[in-house]
């Protein structure tokens, strides 16, 4: 998995906010923002699991190689239940709820505060049932 975060991504305004709850990612050093790359291909996340430390900013770059839109929503069971029955067609205001248009790349930055595990899921019709689900583990 290729990991990088350039200042050009930050300057382009592809940055989210800060969220304080537990999730995971990939390590790239002992301080600063950790980059994590997730590719969406054939309506699946690659990787389908990653681990990050709690309390570190994580920059997640989501690359959608499919010719259809997807979303990346990370959270607990209540978050996912709300989205399964919700009517939000587009996500842009929360860094843990991201819409990724077809054939595009989006980066979101946030911090998971507590150790644990959360799922990331695409809740567009049929995508979760098809297997568009992943797990992030947050370690102390």
Protein backbone atom coordinates (compact mmCIF):
# COMPACT_ATOMS: atom_id res chain seq x y z
CA UNK A 1 0.00 0.00 0.00
CA UNK A 2 1.43 3.34 -1.06
CA UNK A 3 1.39 6.07 1.62
CA UNK A 4 2.02 9.77 1.09
CA UNK A 5 0.59 13.15 1.91
CA UNK A 6 1.84 16.22 0.09
CA UNK A 7 1.26 19.81 1.03
CA UNK A 8 -0.49 20.16 -2.31
CA UNK A 9 -3.36 18.01 -0.96
CA UNK A 10 -3.69 20.28 2.04
CA UNK A 11 -3.49 23.39 -0.11
CA UNK A 12 -6.14 22.01 -2.44
CA UNK A 13 -8.60 22.08 0.42
CA UNK A 14 -9.09 18.33 0.57
CA UNK A 15 -8.90 18.38 4.36
CA UNK A 16 -11.55 17.42 6.90
CA UNK A 17 -11.75 18.32 10.57
CA UNK A 18 -11.11 16.63 13.89
CA UNK A 19 -13.12 13.78 15.40
CA UNK A 20 -12.52 12.31 18.84
CA UNK A 21 -13.40 8.62 19.02
CA UNK A 22 -11.54 5.35 18.36
CA UNK A 23 -10.45 4.08 14.90
CA UNK A 24 -7.35 2.65 13.10
CA UNK A 25 -4.82 3.39 10.31
CA UNK A 26 -1.29 2.77 9.07
CA UNK A 27 1.86 4.10 10.74
CA UNK A 28 4.38 6.31 9.00
CA UNK A 29 6.56 7.62 11.80
CA UNK A 30 6.23 8.67 15.43
CA UNK A 31 4.86 12.21 15.09
CA UNK A 32 2.80 14.32 12.73
CA UNK A 33 -0.01 13.28 10.41
CA UNK A 34 -0.12 9.62 9.38
CA UNK A 35 -1.04 8.98 5.75
CA UNK A 36 -3.37 6.09 4.88
CA UNK A 37 -4.35 5.28 1.28
CA UNK A 38 -7.57 3.42 0.50
CA UNK A 39 -8.42 2.45 -3.06
CA UNK A 40 -11.97 1.69 -4.12
CA UNK A 41 -11.99 -0.87 -6.92
CA UNK A 42 -14.94 -2.97 -8.11
CA UNK A 43 -16.99 -1.62 -5.19
CA UNK A 44 -14.57 -2.87 -2.52
CA UNK A 45 -12.15 -1.04 -0.21
CA UNK A 46 -8.47 -1.96 -0.51
CA UNK A 47 -7.28 -2.43 2.18
CA UNK A 48 -10.35 -3.71 3.98
CA UNK A 49 -8.62 -3.22 7.34
CA UNK A 50 -5.93 -1.00 8.83
CA UNK A 51 -4.59 0.06 12.23
CA UNK A 52 -3.60 3.47 13.61
CA UNK A 53 -2.67 4.83 17.03
CA UNK A 54 -5.19 6.81 19.05
CA UNK A 55 -4.56 10.54 19.35
CA UNK A 56 -2.63 11.03 16.07
CA UNK A 57 -3.99 12.96 13.09
CA UNK A 58 -4.70 10.60 10.21
CA UNK A 59 -4.87 11.74 6.56
CA UNK A 60 -6.96 9.23 4.65
CA UNK A 61 -6.72 9.47 0.87
CA UNK A 62 -9.63 7.72 -0.84
CA UNK A 63 -9.09 6.86 -4.52
CA UNK A 64 -12.23 5.80 -6.37
CA UNK A 65 -11.22 3.89 -9.50
CA UNK A 66 -14.82 2.90 -10.25
CA UNK A 67 -17.07 4.65 -12.80
CA UNK A 68 -19.71 5.19 -10.07
CA UNK A 69 -19.82 7.30 -6.90
CA UNK A 70 -19.12 5.80 -3.48
CA UNK A 71 -19.00 6.96 0.13
CA UNK A 72 -16.73 6.22 3.06
CA UNK A 73 -18.44 6.45 6.42
CA UNK A 74 -16.55 5.38 9.53
CA UNK A 75 -18.21 4.99 12.90
CA UNK A 76 -19.94 2.83 15.44
CA UNK A 77 -23.07 0.70 14.96
CA UNK A 78 -25.41 3.65 15.66
CA UNK A 79 -23.69 5.76 12.98
CA UNK A 80 -24.12 3.02 10.40
CA UNK A 81 -27.73 2.33 11.34
CA UNK A 82 -28.52 6.04 10.87
CA UNK A 83 -26.96 5.96 7.39
CA UNK A 84 -28.70 2.74 6.36
CA UNK A 85 -32.04 4.48 6.83
CA UNK A 86 -30.95 8.06 6.11
CA UNK A 87 -31.49 10.26 3.12
CA UNK A 88 -28.19 12.18 2.89
CA UNK A 89 -27.22 11.87 -0.79
CA UNK A 90 -23.87 13.67 -0.41
CA UNK A 91 -21.34 13.96 2.44
CA UNK A 92 -19.05 16.95 2.79
CA UNK A 93 -19.45 18.43 6.27
CA UNK A 94 -17.99 15.66 8.48
CA UNK A 95 -14.46 14.29 8.01
CA UNK A 96 -15.66 10.76 8.87
CA UNK A 97 -18.45 10.85 6.26
CA UNK A 98 -17.05 11.38 2.78
CA UNK A 99 -18.49 11.17 -0.73
CA UNK A 100 -16.00 10.07 -3.39
CA UNK A 101 -17.23 10.84 -6.92
CA UNK A 102 -16.51 8.39 -9.73
CA UNK A 103 -12.86 8.28 -10.86
CA UNK A 104 -11.72 10.84 -8.27
CA UNK A 105 -9.56 11.17 -5.16
CA UNK A 106 -10.56 12.80 -1.87
CA UNK A 107 -8.49 13.26 1.31
CA UNK A 108 -9.93 13.69 4.79
CA UNK A 109 -7.97 14.42 7.99
CA UNK A 110 -9.10 13.64 11.52
CA UNK A 111 -7.98 12.12 14.83
CA UNK A 112 -9.38 9.05 16.58
CA UNK A 113 -9.15 9.56 20.32
CA UNK A 114 -9.87 6.22 22.00
CA UNK A 115 -8.58 2.71 21.30
CA UNK A 116 -11.09 0.31 19.76
CA UNK A 117 -12.41 -0.75 16.38
CA UNK A 118 -14.87 0.86 13.97
CA UNK A 119 -16.22 -0.10 10.58
CA UNK A 120 -16.12 1.93 7.39
CA UNK A 121 -18.97 1.27 4.99
CA UNK A 122 -20.45 2.58 1.75
CA UNK A 123 -24.20 2.92 2.36
CA UNK A 124 -25.25 3.60 -1.22
CA UNK A 125 -27.98 1.11 -2.23
CA UNK A 126 -26.62 -2.43 -2.35
CA UNK A 127 -22.98 -1.54 -1.71
CA UNK A 128 -22.77 -2.78 1.88
CA UNK A 129 -24.47 -6.07 0.97
CA UNK A 130 -22.01 -6.45 -1.91
CA UNK A 131 -19.12 -6.26 0.58
CA UNK A 132 -18.10 -2.60 0.63
CA UNK A 133 -17.11 -2.79 4.31
CA UNK A 134 -13.82 -2.39 6.18
CA UNK A 135 -12.49 -2.17 9.73
CA UNK A 136 -10.17 0.35 11.33
CA UNK A 137 -8.48 -0.62 14.59
CA UNK A 138 -7.25 2.10 16.94
CA UNK A 139 -4.45 1.08 19.24
CA UNK A 140 -3.32 2.90 22.40
